[in-house]
N, C-alpha and C. Protein backbone atom coordinates (compact mmCIF):
# COMPACT_ATOMS: atom_id res chain seq x y z
N MET A 1 -26.75 -8.86 10.20
CA MET A 1 -26.15 -7.83 9.34
C MET A 1 -25.82 -8.43 7.97
N GLU A 2 -26.31 -7.77 6.92
CA GLU A 2 -26.03 -8.26 5.58
C GLU A 2 -24.59 -7.98 5.19
N LYS A 3 -24.05 -8.89 4.39
CA LYS A 3 -22.68 -8.71 3.93
C LYS A 3 -22.60 -7.58 2.90
N ILE A 4 -21.43 -6.97 2.85
CA ILE A 4 -21.17 -5.94 1.84
C ILE A 4 -20.82 -6.65 0.54
N LYS A 5 -21.63 -6.47 -0.48
CA LYS A 5 -21.39 -7.15 -1.75
C LYS A 5 -20.56 -6.25 -2.67
N LEU A 6 -19.52 -6.84 -3.27
CA LEU A 6 -18.68 -6.02 -4.13
C LEU A 6 -18.14 -6.80 -5.32
N ILE A 7 -17.76 -6.05 -6.35
CA ILE A 7 -17.04 -6.63 -7.48
C ILE A 7 -15.67 -5.96 -7.54
N ILE A 8 -14.72 -6.65 -8.17
CA ILE A 8 -13.36 -6.15 -8.29
C ILE A 8 -12.95 -6.20 -9.76
N ALA A 9 -12.40 -5.10 -10.27
CA ALA A 9 -11.95 -5.06 -11.66
C ALA A 9 -10.54 -4.50 -11.73
N ASP A 10 -9.64 -5.32 -12.25
CA ASP A 10 -8.24 -4.91 -12.46
C ASP A 10 -7.67 -5.80 -13.55
N ASP A 11 -6.95 -5.20 -14.49
CA ASP A 11 -6.49 -6.00 -15.63
C ASP A 11 -5.24 -6.84 -15.33
N HIS A 12 -4.60 -6.61 -14.18
CA HIS A 12 -3.44 -7.41 -13.80
C HIS A 12 -3.90 -8.58 -12.93
N HIS A 13 -3.80 -9.79 -13.48
CA HIS A 13 -4.34 -10.98 -12.82
C HIS A 13 -3.77 -11.17 -11.41
N ILE A 14 -2.47 -11.06 -11.27
CA ILE A 14 -1.85 -11.31 -9.97
C ILE A 14 -2.29 -10.27 -8.95
N PHE A 15 -2.35 -9.02 -9.38
CA PHE A 15 -2.78 -7.96 -8.47
C PHE A 15 -4.24 -8.16 -8.07
N ARG A 16 -5.08 -8.55 -9.04
CA ARG A 16 -6.50 -8.79 -8.75
C ARG A 16 -6.66 -9.91 -7.74
N LYS A 17 -5.87 -10.96 -7.89
CA LYS A 17 -5.94 -12.06 -6.93
C LYS A 17 -5.46 -11.62 -5.56
N GLY A 18 -4.50 -10.70 -5.54
CA GLY A 18 -4.05 -10.17 -4.26
C GLY A 18 -5.16 -9.41 -3.55
N ILE A 19 -5.91 -8.63 -4.32
CA ILE A 19 -7.05 -7.91 -3.75
C ILE A 19 -8.09 -8.89 -3.22
N LEU A 20 -8.38 -9.92 -4.01
CA LEU A 20 -9.34 -10.94 -3.59
C LEU A 20 -8.90 -11.61 -2.30
N SER A 21 -7.60 -11.86 -2.18
CA SER A 21 -7.07 -12.50 -0.98
C SER A 21 -7.26 -11.62 0.25
N ILE A 22 -6.99 -10.33 0.10
CA ILE A 22 -7.15 -9.40 1.21
C ILE A 22 -8.61 -9.31 1.63
N VAL A 23 -9.49 -9.14 0.66
CA VAL A 23 -10.92 -8.93 0.94
C VAL A 23 -11.59 -10.18 1.48
N SER A 24 -11.21 -11.34 0.96
CA SER A 24 -11.88 -12.59 1.35
C SER A 24 -11.63 -12.97 2.81
N GLU A 25 -10.66 -12.34 3.44
CA GLU A 25 -10.37 -12.64 4.85
C GLU A 25 -11.40 -12.02 5.80
N ASP A 26 -12.21 -11.10 5.29
CA ASP A 26 -13.18 -10.42 6.15
C ASP A 26 -14.57 -11.03 5.96
N ALA A 27 -15.15 -11.48 7.05
CA ALA A 27 -16.43 -12.19 6.99
C ALA A 27 -17.60 -11.27 6.64
N ASP A 28 -17.41 -9.96 6.74
CA ASP A 28 -18.50 -9.02 6.45
C ASP A 28 -18.60 -8.67 4.97
N ILE A 29 -17.66 -9.19 4.17
CA ILE A 29 -17.60 -8.81 2.76
C ILE A 29 -17.80 -10.04 1.87
N GLU A 30 -18.61 -9.87 0.84
CA GLU A 30 -18.85 -10.95 -0.12
C GLU A 30 -18.47 -10.48 -1.52
N ILE A 31 -17.58 -11.20 -2.18
CA ILE A 31 -17.18 -10.87 -3.54
C ILE A 31 -18.15 -11.55 -4.50
N THR A 32 -18.83 -10.75 -5.33
CA THR A 32 -19.84 -11.31 -6.23
C THR A 32 -19.37 -11.38 -7.68
N GLY A 33 -18.16 -10.91 -7.95
CA GLY A 33 -17.65 -11.00 -9.31
C GLY A 33 -16.31 -10.30 -9.47
N GLU A 34 -15.57 -10.68 -10.50
CA GLU A 34 -14.30 -10.02 -10.81
C GLU A 34 -14.18 -9.87 -12.32
N ALA A 35 -13.45 -8.84 -12.74
CA ALA A 35 -13.31 -8.56 -14.16
C ALA A 35 -11.89 -8.08 -14.45
N ALA A 36 -11.48 -8.26 -15.71
CA ALA A 36 -10.14 -7.87 -16.12
C ALA A 36 -10.16 -6.62 -16.99
N ASN A 37 -11.34 -6.06 -17.23
CA ASN A 37 -11.42 -4.84 -18.03
C ASN A 37 -12.69 -4.07 -17.66
N GLY A 38 -12.74 -2.82 -18.11
CA GLY A 38 -13.85 -1.96 -17.75
C GLY A 38 -15.19 -2.38 -18.32
N ASP A 39 -15.19 -2.91 -19.53
CA ASP A 39 -16.45 -3.33 -20.15
C ASP A 39 -17.11 -4.45 -19.35
N ASP A 40 -16.30 -5.45 -18.96
CA ASP A 40 -16.84 -6.56 -18.16
C ASP A 40 -17.25 -6.08 -16.76
N ALA A 41 -16.50 -5.11 -16.25
CA ALA A 41 -16.85 -4.56 -14.94
C ALA A 41 -18.23 -3.92 -14.97
N LEU A 42 -18.51 -3.17 -16.03
CA LEU A 42 -19.81 -2.52 -16.15
C LEU A 42 -20.92 -3.56 -16.26
N LYS A 43 -20.68 -4.63 -17.00
CA LYS A 43 -21.67 -5.71 -17.10
C LYS A 43 -21.95 -6.32 -15.73
N LEU A 44 -20.89 -6.56 -14.95
CA LEU A 44 -21.07 -7.12 -13.61
C LEU A 44 -21.87 -6.18 -12.71
N ILE A 45 -21.62 -4.89 -12.85
CA ILE A 45 -22.36 -3.92 -12.05
C ILE A 45 -23.85 -3.97 -12.37
N VAL A 46 -24.15 -4.04 -13.65
CA VAL A 46 -25.55 -4.10 -14.09
C VAL A 46 -26.21 -5.41 -13.64
N GLU A 47 -25.51 -6.53 -13.80
CA GLU A 47 -26.08 -7.84 -13.51
C GLU A 47 -26.12 -8.16 -12.02
N ASN A 48 -25.02 -7.85 -11.30
CA ASN A 48 -24.90 -8.28 -9.90
C ASN A 48 -25.40 -7.26 -8.90
N LYS A 49 -25.50 -6.00 -9.34
CA LYS A 49 -25.94 -4.92 -8.45
C LYS A 49 -25.19 -4.92 -7.11
N PRO A 50 -23.86 -4.82 -7.16
CA PRO A 50 -23.08 -4.83 -5.91
C PRO A 50 -23.26 -3.53 -5.12
N ASP A 51 -22.93 -3.59 -3.85
CA ASP A 51 -22.94 -2.37 -3.03
C ASP A 51 -21.76 -1.47 -3.41
N ILE A 52 -20.62 -2.11 -3.71
CA ILE A 52 -19.39 -1.39 -4.01
C ILE A 52 -18.71 -2.01 -5.22
N ALA A 53 -18.18 -1.17 -6.09
CA ALA A 53 -17.37 -1.64 -7.22
C ALA A 53 -15.95 -1.08 -7.05
N ILE A 54 -14.97 -1.98 -6.95
CA ILE A 54 -13.58 -1.58 -6.84
C ILE A 54 -12.96 -1.64 -8.22
N LEU A 55 -12.53 -0.49 -8.72
CA LEU A 55 -12.09 -0.39 -10.11
C LEU A 55 -10.68 0.17 -10.23
N ASP A 56 -9.85 -0.52 -11.00
CA ASP A 56 -8.55 0.03 -11.35
C ASP A 56 -8.77 1.22 -12.28
N ILE A 57 -8.01 2.28 -12.07
CA ILE A 57 -8.20 3.47 -12.91
C ILE A 57 -7.75 3.23 -14.35
N ASP A 58 -6.75 2.35 -14.55
CA ASP A 58 -6.21 2.09 -15.88
C ASP A 58 -6.54 0.66 -16.29
N MET A 59 -7.51 0.52 -17.22
CA MET A 59 -7.88 -0.81 -17.71
C MET A 59 -8.12 -0.74 -19.21
N PRO A 60 -8.01 -1.89 -19.90
CA PRO A 60 -8.34 -1.92 -21.33
C PRO A 60 -9.82 -1.60 -21.55
N GLY A 61 -10.12 -1.03 -22.71
CA GLY A 61 -11.50 -0.67 -22.99
C GLY A 61 -11.89 0.51 -22.12
N LEU A 62 -12.92 0.35 -21.34
CA LEU A 62 -13.34 1.41 -20.42
C LEU A 62 -12.37 1.48 -19.24
N SER A 63 -11.90 2.67 -18.93
CA SER A 63 -11.07 2.84 -17.74
C SER A 63 -11.96 2.85 -16.50
N GLY A 64 -11.36 2.83 -15.32
CA GLY A 64 -12.15 2.90 -14.10
C GLY A 64 -12.99 4.16 -14.05
N LEU A 65 -12.43 5.29 -14.50
CA LEU A 65 -13.18 6.54 -14.52
C LEU A 65 -14.29 6.51 -15.56
N ASP A 66 -14.06 5.83 -16.69
CA ASP A 66 -15.10 5.68 -17.70
C ASP A 66 -16.28 4.89 -17.14
N VAL A 67 -15.97 3.82 -16.42
CA VAL A 67 -17.03 3.01 -15.80
C VAL A 67 -17.79 3.85 -14.78
N ALA A 68 -17.06 4.60 -13.98
CA ALA A 68 -17.71 5.46 -12.97
C ALA A 68 -18.62 6.48 -13.64
N ARG A 69 -18.18 7.01 -14.78
CA ARG A 69 -18.98 7.98 -15.51
C ARG A 69 -20.29 7.36 -16.00
N LYS A 70 -20.22 6.11 -16.48
CA LYS A 70 -21.43 5.42 -16.94
C LYS A 70 -22.34 5.05 -15.77
N VAL A 71 -21.74 4.66 -14.66
CA VAL A 71 -22.53 4.36 -13.46
C VAL A 71 -23.32 5.60 -13.03
N LYS A 72 -22.67 6.76 -13.07
CA LYS A 72 -23.33 8.00 -12.68
C LYS A 72 -24.42 8.38 -13.67
N SER A 73 -24.11 8.31 -14.98
CA SER A 73 -25.07 8.73 -16.00
C SER A 73 -26.28 7.80 -16.07
N GLN A 74 -26.04 6.50 -15.79
CA GLN A 74 -27.13 5.53 -15.84
C GLN A 74 -27.83 5.35 -14.50
N LYS A 75 -27.37 6.13 -13.51
CA LYS A 75 -27.96 6.09 -12.16
C LYS A 75 -27.95 4.67 -11.58
N LEU A 76 -26.81 3.99 -11.76
CA LEU A 76 -26.65 2.66 -11.18
C LEU A 76 -26.29 2.80 -9.70
N SER A 77 -26.44 1.72 -8.96
CA SER A 77 -26.43 1.82 -7.50
C SER A 77 -25.08 1.76 -6.79
N PRO A 78 -24.04 1.09 -7.32
CA PRO A 78 -22.87 0.88 -6.48
C PRO A 78 -22.07 2.14 -6.17
N LYS A 79 -21.46 2.12 -5.01
CA LYS A 79 -20.48 3.15 -4.66
C LYS A 79 -19.16 2.73 -5.30
N ILE A 80 -18.43 3.69 -5.82
CA ILE A 80 -17.22 3.39 -6.57
C ILE A 80 -15.97 3.65 -5.74
N VAL A 81 -15.08 2.65 -5.72
CA VAL A 81 -13.75 2.79 -5.13
C VAL A 81 -12.73 2.69 -6.26
N ILE A 82 -11.90 3.71 -6.41
CA ILE A 82 -10.89 3.70 -7.45
C ILE A 82 -9.54 3.28 -6.87
N LEU A 83 -8.90 2.33 -7.54
CA LEU A 83 -7.53 1.93 -7.21
C LEU A 83 -6.59 2.53 -8.25
N THR A 84 -5.48 3.08 -7.81
CA THR A 84 -4.61 3.75 -8.75
C THR A 84 -3.17 3.81 -8.27
N ILE A 85 -2.27 4.01 -9.22
CA ILE A 85 -0.87 4.31 -8.88
C ILE A 85 -0.63 5.81 -8.98
N HIS A 86 -1.65 6.55 -9.45
CA HIS A 86 -1.47 7.98 -9.75
C HIS A 86 -1.71 8.85 -8.52
N LYS A 87 -0.78 9.75 -8.25
CA LYS A 87 -0.97 10.75 -7.21
C LYS A 87 -1.33 12.12 -7.80
N ASP A 88 -1.42 12.19 -9.12
CA ASP A 88 -1.66 13.47 -9.79
C ASP A 88 -3.00 14.08 -9.36
N LYS A 89 -2.97 15.37 -9.10
CA LYS A 89 -4.17 16.07 -8.66
C LYS A 89 -5.27 16.03 -9.72
N GLU A 90 -4.88 16.00 -11.01
CA GLU A 90 -5.86 16.01 -12.09
C GLU A 90 -6.74 14.75 -12.04
N TYR A 91 -6.11 13.58 -11.83
CA TYR A 91 -6.88 12.34 -11.72
C TYR A 91 -7.80 12.41 -10.50
N PHE A 92 -7.26 12.90 -9.41
CA PHE A 92 -8.02 12.97 -8.17
C PHE A 92 -9.23 13.89 -8.32
N ASP A 93 -9.02 15.05 -8.94
CA ASP A 93 -10.12 15.99 -9.15
C ASP A 93 -11.22 15.37 -10.01
N GLU A 94 -10.81 14.67 -11.08
CA GLU A 94 -11.79 14.05 -11.97
C GLU A 94 -12.59 12.98 -11.23
N ALA A 95 -11.89 12.21 -10.38
CA ALA A 95 -12.58 11.18 -9.60
C ALA A 95 -13.64 11.79 -8.69
N LEU A 96 -13.31 12.89 -8.02
CA LEU A 96 -14.26 13.52 -7.12
C LEU A 96 -15.46 14.08 -7.88
N GLU A 97 -15.22 14.61 -9.06
CA GLU A 97 -16.32 15.15 -9.85
C GLU A 97 -17.30 14.06 -10.27
N LEU A 98 -16.84 12.82 -10.32
CA LEU A 98 -17.69 11.70 -10.71
C LEU A 98 -18.36 11.04 -9.50
N ASP A 99 -18.25 11.70 -8.35
CA ASP A 99 -18.87 11.21 -7.11
C ASP A 99 -18.31 9.86 -6.68
N ILE A 100 -17.03 9.65 -6.95
CA ILE A 100 -16.36 8.44 -6.48
C ILE A 100 -16.18 8.54 -4.97
N LYS A 101 -16.46 7.45 -4.27
CA LYS A 101 -16.47 7.48 -2.81
C LYS A 101 -15.10 7.25 -2.18
N ALA A 102 -14.18 6.63 -2.94
CA ALA A 102 -12.86 6.36 -2.35
C ALA A 102 -11.80 6.37 -3.43
N TYR A 103 -10.62 6.84 -3.05
CA TYR A 103 -9.48 6.93 -3.96
C TYR A 103 -8.31 6.32 -3.21
N VAL A 104 -7.92 5.11 -3.62
CA VAL A 104 -6.94 4.33 -2.86
C VAL A 104 -5.71 4.05 -3.71
N LEU A 105 -4.54 4.39 -3.20
CA LEU A 105 -3.30 4.09 -3.90
C LEU A 105 -3.00 2.60 -3.81
N LYS A 106 -2.58 2.02 -4.91
CA LYS A 106 -2.29 0.59 -4.92
C LYS A 106 -1.21 0.22 -3.91
N GLU A 107 -0.28 1.12 -3.69
CA GLU A 107 0.79 0.84 -2.74
C GLU A 107 0.28 0.74 -1.30
N SER A 108 -0.97 1.19 -1.09
CA SER A 108 -1.51 1.24 0.27
C SER A 108 -2.61 0.22 0.55
N ILE A 109 -2.95 -0.63 -0.44
CA ILE A 109 -4.16 -1.44 -0.27
C ILE A 109 -4.07 -2.44 0.88
N ALA A 110 -2.87 -2.95 1.16
CA ALA A 110 -2.75 -3.93 2.24
C ALA A 110 -3.22 -3.35 3.57
N ASN A 111 -2.97 -2.05 3.77
CA ASN A 111 -3.35 -1.40 5.02
C ASN A 111 -4.69 -0.69 4.94
N ASP A 112 -5.08 -0.25 3.73
CA ASP A 112 -6.23 0.64 3.60
C ASP A 112 -7.53 -0.02 3.16
N LEU A 113 -7.44 -1.12 2.41
CA LEU A 113 -8.61 -1.56 1.65
C LEU A 113 -9.80 -1.97 2.49
N ILE A 114 -9.61 -2.79 3.51
CA ILE A 114 -10.74 -3.25 4.33
C ILE A 114 -11.41 -2.08 5.02
N ASP A 115 -10.62 -1.21 5.63
CA ASP A 115 -11.17 -0.03 6.29
C ASP A 115 -11.92 0.84 5.28
N CYS A 116 -11.35 0.99 4.10
CA CYS A 116 -11.98 1.76 3.02
C CYS A 116 -13.35 1.18 2.68
N ILE A 117 -13.42 -0.10 2.44
CA ILE A 117 -14.69 -0.75 2.05
C ILE A 117 -15.76 -0.52 3.11
N LYS A 118 -15.42 -0.70 4.35
CA LYS A 118 -16.41 -0.59 5.43
C LYS A 118 -16.87 0.85 5.62
N ARG A 119 -15.95 1.80 5.45
CA ARG A 119 -16.33 3.20 5.60
C ARG A 119 -17.19 3.66 4.41
N VAL A 120 -16.84 3.21 3.23
CA VAL A 120 -17.65 3.57 2.05
C VAL A 120 -19.04 2.95 2.17
N ALA A 121 -19.11 1.70 2.62
CA ALA A 121 -20.41 1.04 2.80
C ALA A 121 -21.28 1.79 3.81
N ALA A 122 -20.63 2.47 4.76
CA ALA A 122 -21.35 3.23 5.78
C ALA A 122 -21.70 4.64 5.31
N GLY A 123 -21.35 4.96 4.06
CA GLY A 123 -21.71 6.25 3.51
C GLY A 123 -20.65 7.33 3.60
N GLU A 124 -19.44 6.94 4.00
CA GLU A 124 -18.36 7.90 4.13
C GLU A 124 -17.50 7.93 2.87
N TYR A 125 -16.65 8.95 2.78
CA TYR A 125 -15.62 9.01 1.75
C TYR A 125 -14.32 8.48 2.34
N TYR A 126 -13.46 7.99 1.45
CA TYR A 126 -12.17 7.49 1.93
C TYR A 126 -11.08 7.86 0.93
N ILE A 127 -9.99 8.42 1.44
CA ILE A 127 -8.85 8.77 0.61
C ILE A 127 -7.60 8.25 1.30
N SER A 128 -6.77 7.52 0.60
CA SER A 128 -5.54 7.00 1.18
C SER A 128 -4.75 8.13 1.83
N SER A 129 -4.23 7.86 3.02
CA SER A 129 -3.46 8.89 3.71
C SER A 129 -2.26 9.33 2.89
N ALA A 130 -1.74 8.43 2.06
CA ALA A 130 -0.59 8.78 1.23
C ALA A 130 -0.95 9.86 0.22
N ILE A 131 -2.12 9.77 -0.39
CA ILE A 131 -2.52 10.79 -1.35
C ILE A 131 -2.88 12.08 -0.64
N SER A 132 -3.47 11.98 0.56
CA SER A 132 -3.78 13.18 1.33
C SER A 132 -2.50 13.95 1.64
N GLY A 133 -1.48 13.21 2.11
CA GLY A 133 -0.21 13.83 2.44
C GLY A 133 0.45 14.45 1.23
N TYR A 134 0.35 13.78 0.10
CA TYR A 134 0.94 14.28 -1.14
C TYR A 134 0.28 15.59 -1.56
N LEU A 135 -1.04 15.65 -1.50
CA LEU A 135 -1.75 16.86 -1.89
C LEU A 135 -1.43 18.02 -0.96
N VAL A 136 -1.28 17.72 0.33
CA VAL A 136 -0.92 18.76 1.30
C VAL A 136 0.46 19.33 0.98
N GLU A 137 1.43 18.45 0.75
CA GLU A 137 2.79 18.91 0.45
C GLU A 137 2.82 19.67 -0.87
N LYS A 138 2.05 19.22 -1.84
CA LYS A 138 2.01 19.90 -3.13
C LYS A 138 1.45 21.30 -2.97
N ASN A 139 0.42 21.43 -2.15
CA ASN A 139 -0.17 22.73 -1.92
C ASN A 139 0.80 23.66 -1.21
N LYS A 140 1.53 23.13 -0.22
CA LYS A 140 2.50 23.94 0.52
C LYS A 140 3.61 24.43 -0.38
N SER A 141 4.09 23.56 -1.26
CA SER A 141 5.21 23.91 -2.12
C SER A 141 4.81 24.88 -3.23
N SER A 142 3.51 24.94 -3.54
CA SER A 142 3.07 25.81 -4.63
C SER A 142 3.11 27.28 -4.24
N GLY A 143 3.05 27.54 -2.93
CA GLY A 143 3.06 28.91 -2.45
C GLY A 143 1.80 29.68 -2.77
N LYS A 144 0.76 28.98 -3.16
CA LYS A 144 -0.49 29.62 -3.56
C LYS A 144 -1.19 30.26 -2.36
N GLN A 145 -1.59 31.52 -2.50
CA GLN A 145 -2.31 32.21 -1.45
C GLN A 145 -3.77 31.78 -1.48
N SER A 146 -4.40 31.73 -0.33
CA SER A 146 -5.79 31.33 -0.28
C SER A 146 -6.59 32.33 0.54
N ASP A 147 -7.89 32.12 0.60
CA ASP A 147 -8.78 32.96 1.41
C ASP A 147 -9.03 32.31 2.76
N PHE A 148 -8.11 31.46 3.18
CA PHE A 148 -8.28 30.68 4.40
C PHE A 148 -8.59 31.56 5.61
N GLU A 149 -7.93 32.72 5.71
CA GLU A 149 -8.09 33.57 6.89
C GLU A 149 -9.45 34.23 6.96
N LYS A 150 -10.25 34.12 5.90
CA LYS A 150 -11.61 34.64 5.94
C LYS A 150 -12.51 33.81 6.85
N LEU A 151 -12.09 32.59 7.11
CA LEU A 151 -12.93 31.65 7.86
C LEU A 151 -12.92 31.96 9.35
N THR A 152 -14.08 31.75 9.99
CA THR A 152 -14.16 31.88 11.44
C THR A 152 -13.54 30.65 12.10
N ASN A 153 -13.33 30.74 13.41
CA ASN A 153 -12.77 29.59 14.13
C ASN A 153 -13.70 28.38 14.04
N SER A 154 -15.01 28.62 14.10
CA SER A 154 -15.97 27.52 13.98
C SER A 154 -15.89 26.87 12.62
N GLU A 155 -15.75 27.68 11.58
CA GLU A 155 -15.66 27.15 10.22
C GLU A 155 -14.37 26.36 10.04
N LYS A 156 -13.28 26.83 10.64
CA LYS A 156 -12.02 26.10 10.57
C LYS A 156 -12.11 24.76 11.30
N GLU A 157 -12.84 24.76 12.41
CA GLU A 157 -13.05 23.53 13.17
C GLU A 157 -13.82 22.51 12.33
N ILE A 158 -14.84 22.98 11.64
CA ILE A 158 -15.63 22.10 10.77
C ILE A 158 -14.79 21.63 9.59
N LEU A 159 -13.99 22.52 9.03
CA LEU A 159 -13.13 22.17 7.91
C LEU A 159 -12.14 21.08 8.30
N LYS A 160 -11.64 21.15 9.53
CA LYS A 160 -10.71 20.13 10.03
C LYS A 160 -11.38 18.76 10.05
N LEU A 161 -12.63 18.71 10.47
CA LEU A 161 -13.36 17.44 10.52
C LEU A 161 -13.72 16.96 9.12
N ILE A 162 -13.99 17.88 8.20
CA ILE A 162 -14.23 17.50 6.81
C ILE A 162 -12.99 16.86 6.22
N ALA A 163 -11.81 17.38 6.58
CA ALA A 163 -10.54 16.82 6.10
C ALA A 163 -10.32 15.39 6.58
N GLN A 164 -11.02 15.02 7.65
CA GLN A 164 -10.95 13.65 8.18
C GLN A 164 -12.01 12.75 7.55
N ASN A 165 -12.63 13.23 6.47
CA ASN A 165 -13.65 12.48 5.72
C ASN A 165 -14.93 12.25 6.52
N LYS A 166 -15.23 13.13 7.48
CA LYS A 166 -16.43 12.96 8.29
C LYS A 166 -17.63 13.60 7.61
N THR A 167 -18.77 12.94 7.74
CA THR A 167 -20.00 13.44 7.15
C THR A 167 -20.57 14.56 8.01
N SER A 168 -21.55 15.28 7.46
CA SER A 168 -22.21 16.35 8.22
C SER A 168 -22.86 15.81 9.49
N ALA A 169 -23.44 14.61 9.39
CA ALA A 169 -24.08 14.01 10.57
C ALA A 169 -23.04 13.68 11.65
N GLN A 170 -21.90 13.16 11.24
CA GLN A 170 -20.85 12.85 12.20
C GLN A 170 -20.30 14.12 12.85
N ILE A 171 -20.12 15.16 12.04
CA ILE A 171 -19.61 16.43 12.56
C ILE A 171 -20.62 17.03 13.54
N ALA A 172 -21.90 16.97 13.18
CA ALA A 172 -22.95 17.50 14.05
C ALA A 172 -22.94 16.79 15.40
N GLY A 173 -22.79 15.46 15.38
CA GLY A 173 -22.75 14.70 16.62
C GLY A 173 -21.54 15.05 17.47
N GLU A 174 -20.41 15.24 16.82
CA GLU A 174 -19.17 15.54 17.56
C GLU A 174 -19.18 16.94 18.16
N LEU A 175 -19.81 17.89 17.46
CA LEU A 175 -19.82 19.28 17.91
C LEU A 175 -21.12 19.65 18.63
N PHE A 176 -22.02 18.68 18.80
CA PHE A 176 -23.30 18.90 19.48
C PHE A 176 -24.11 20.01 18.80
N ARG A 177 -24.20 19.93 17.49
CA ARG A 177 -24.98 20.88 16.71
C ARG A 177 -25.89 20.10 15.77
N SER A 178 -26.84 20.78 15.17
CA SER A 178 -27.75 20.11 14.24
C SER A 178 -27.06 19.91 12.89
N VAL A 179 -27.54 18.92 12.15
CA VAL A 179 -27.00 18.68 10.81
C VAL A 179 -27.24 19.90 9.93
N ARG A 180 -28.40 20.54 10.10
CA ARG A 180 -28.72 21.73 9.30
C ARG A 180 -27.70 22.85 9.56
N THR A 181 -27.32 23.01 10.81
CA THR A 181 -26.32 24.03 11.15
C THR A 181 -24.99 23.75 10.47
N ILE A 182 -24.59 22.47 10.48
CA ILE A 182 -23.32 22.09 9.84
C ILE A 182 -23.40 22.32 8.34
N GLU A 183 -24.54 21.98 7.73
CA GLU A 183 -24.71 22.20 6.29
C GLU A 183 -24.65 23.69 5.96
N ASN A 184 -25.23 24.53 6.83
CA ASN A 184 -25.16 25.98 6.62
C ASN A 184 -23.72 26.47 6.69
N HIS A 185 -22.95 25.94 7.65
CA HIS A 185 -21.54 26.29 7.76
C HIS A 185 -20.78 25.87 6.50
N ARG A 186 -21.07 24.67 6.01
CA ARG A 186 -20.39 24.18 4.81
C ARG A 186 -20.68 25.11 3.62
N ASN A 187 -21.93 25.53 3.49
CA ASN A 187 -22.30 26.44 2.40
C ASN A 187 -21.59 27.78 2.54
N ASN A 188 -21.50 28.27 3.79
CA ASN A 188 -20.82 29.55 4.02
C ASN A 188 -19.33 29.46 3.69
N ILE A 189 -18.72 28.34 4.06
CA ILE A 189 -17.30 28.14 3.75
C ILE A 189 -17.08 28.14 2.25
N CYS A 190 -17.92 27.41 1.54
CA CYS A 190 -17.80 27.35 0.07
C CYS A 190 -17.98 28.73 -0.54
N SER A 191 -18.91 29.50 -0.02
CA SER A 191 -19.16 30.84 -0.54
C SER A 191 -17.95 31.75 -0.32
N LYS A 192 -17.37 31.70 0.88
CA LYS A 192 -16.20 32.53 1.20
C LYS A 192 -14.99 32.17 0.36
N LEU A 193 -14.84 30.87 0.07
CA LEU A 193 -13.66 30.40 -0.63
C LEU A 193 -13.86 30.30 -2.14
N GLY A 194 -15.10 30.56 -2.60
CA GLY A 194 -15.38 30.47 -4.02
C GLY A 194 -15.32 29.05 -4.55
N LEU A 195 -15.73 28.09 -3.73
CA LEU A 195 -15.65 26.68 -4.11
C LEU A 195 -16.96 26.24 -4.75
N LYS A 196 -16.85 25.51 -5.85
CA LYS A 196 -18.03 24.98 -6.54
C LYS A 196 -17.83 23.51 -6.87
N GLY A 197 -18.90 22.76 -6.93
CA GLY A 197 -18.81 21.33 -7.19
C GLY A 197 -19.01 20.55 -5.92
N PRO A 198 -19.54 19.31 -6.03
CA PRO A 198 -19.93 18.52 -4.86
C PRO A 198 -18.78 18.14 -3.93
N HIS A 199 -17.55 18.11 -4.45
CA HIS A 199 -16.44 17.64 -3.62
C HIS A 199 -15.31 18.66 -3.48
N ALA A 200 -15.56 19.89 -3.95
CA ALA A 200 -14.52 20.92 -3.89
C ALA A 200 -14.12 21.22 -2.45
N LEU A 201 -15.08 21.19 -1.53
CA LEU A 201 -14.79 21.49 -0.13
C LEU A 201 -13.92 20.40 0.48
N LEU A 202 -14.20 19.14 0.18
CA LEU A 202 -13.39 18.04 0.70
C LEU A 202 -11.94 18.18 0.21
N LEU A 203 -11.77 18.45 -1.07
CA LEU A 203 -10.43 18.60 -1.62
C LEU A 203 -9.70 19.77 -0.97
N TYR A 204 -10.39 20.90 -0.80
CA TYR A 204 -9.78 22.07 -0.16
C TYR A 204 -9.35 21.73 1.26
N ALA A 205 -10.22 21.04 1.99
CA ALA A 205 -9.91 20.69 3.38
C ALA A 205 -8.67 19.81 3.46
N ILE A 206 -8.56 18.85 2.57
CA ILE A 206 -7.39 17.97 2.56
C ILE A 206 -6.13 18.76 2.25
N GLU A 207 -6.22 19.65 1.27
CA GLU A 207 -5.05 20.40 0.85
C GLU A 207 -4.56 21.38 1.91
N HIS A 208 -5.45 21.82 2.80
CA HIS A 208 -5.10 22.83 3.78
C HIS A 208 -5.11 22.33 5.22
N LYS A 209 -5.14 21.00 5.39
CA LYS A 209 -5.32 20.50 6.76
C LYS A 209 -4.14 20.78 7.68
N THR A 210 -2.97 21.09 7.14
CA THR A 210 -1.83 21.41 8.02
C THR A 210 -2.04 22.76 8.71
N LYS A 211 -2.97 23.58 8.20
CA LYS A 211 -3.25 24.87 8.82
C LYS A 211 -4.33 24.75 9.91
N LEU A 212 -4.97 23.61 9.98
CA LEU A 212 -6.14 23.48 10.86
C LEU A 212 -5.76 22.99 12.26
C-alpha cells in the first residue's frame, strides 16, 4: 500500500509543528513539504503533487481558500483539507463550493486529523463533528421552515447517510441498492428541496440531521 503523501501549510510555526507531530506518528502518511503561507503552499502543490494538501484558512498572501480556488481552476490533483477556527456558515459554504474535501476545526485536530486524512484519501468528505453540531444548532435556533416533509421515508433514510459523509457507493452497499438508484434519489431530493451546487445536499443533510 502506497503512503498518503501530503503537504501542510499554516503560518503559525508552533501549530504547524504540532500538526506535523500528530501526522508523523502514522506510518501510512508521508509529509512531503510544509509552508508558512499560501503562495509557498501552492508552489509545493505544483512541485510535489501531494495526494492531500492541509491548508490553514487564514494565511499571509493567498489564504487557504485562495489556494483551493487556484487548485480547482488549474485542475491540480490534491484533495484539499481546510483547517480553521471559524464556525461561520459563510466560510463553510464557500469551502464546499470550492470542492474542498474536509473542513476541520483547529480545536479538534488532535482527535480528528488522522481519521480525516484517511477518509479523504479514500474519496470521502470529512467535517469535524464540532462544526456539524454547530450548524445543526444554528439551524434549529433560526426557526427556518423547510420542505423536509416533502421527502419520502426512503429519501430521508438516504439523507441520514449523506449526513454521515457517506458516498453514493457506500450508501448503495448499505441499503442493498444500485449506485444509480442512489444517485437518482439524490437528484430527486435536490429537486424537491430546490438545492443547487455540488455540495448543497451535504450541507442540508448536516443541518437537518436531528430530524432524521
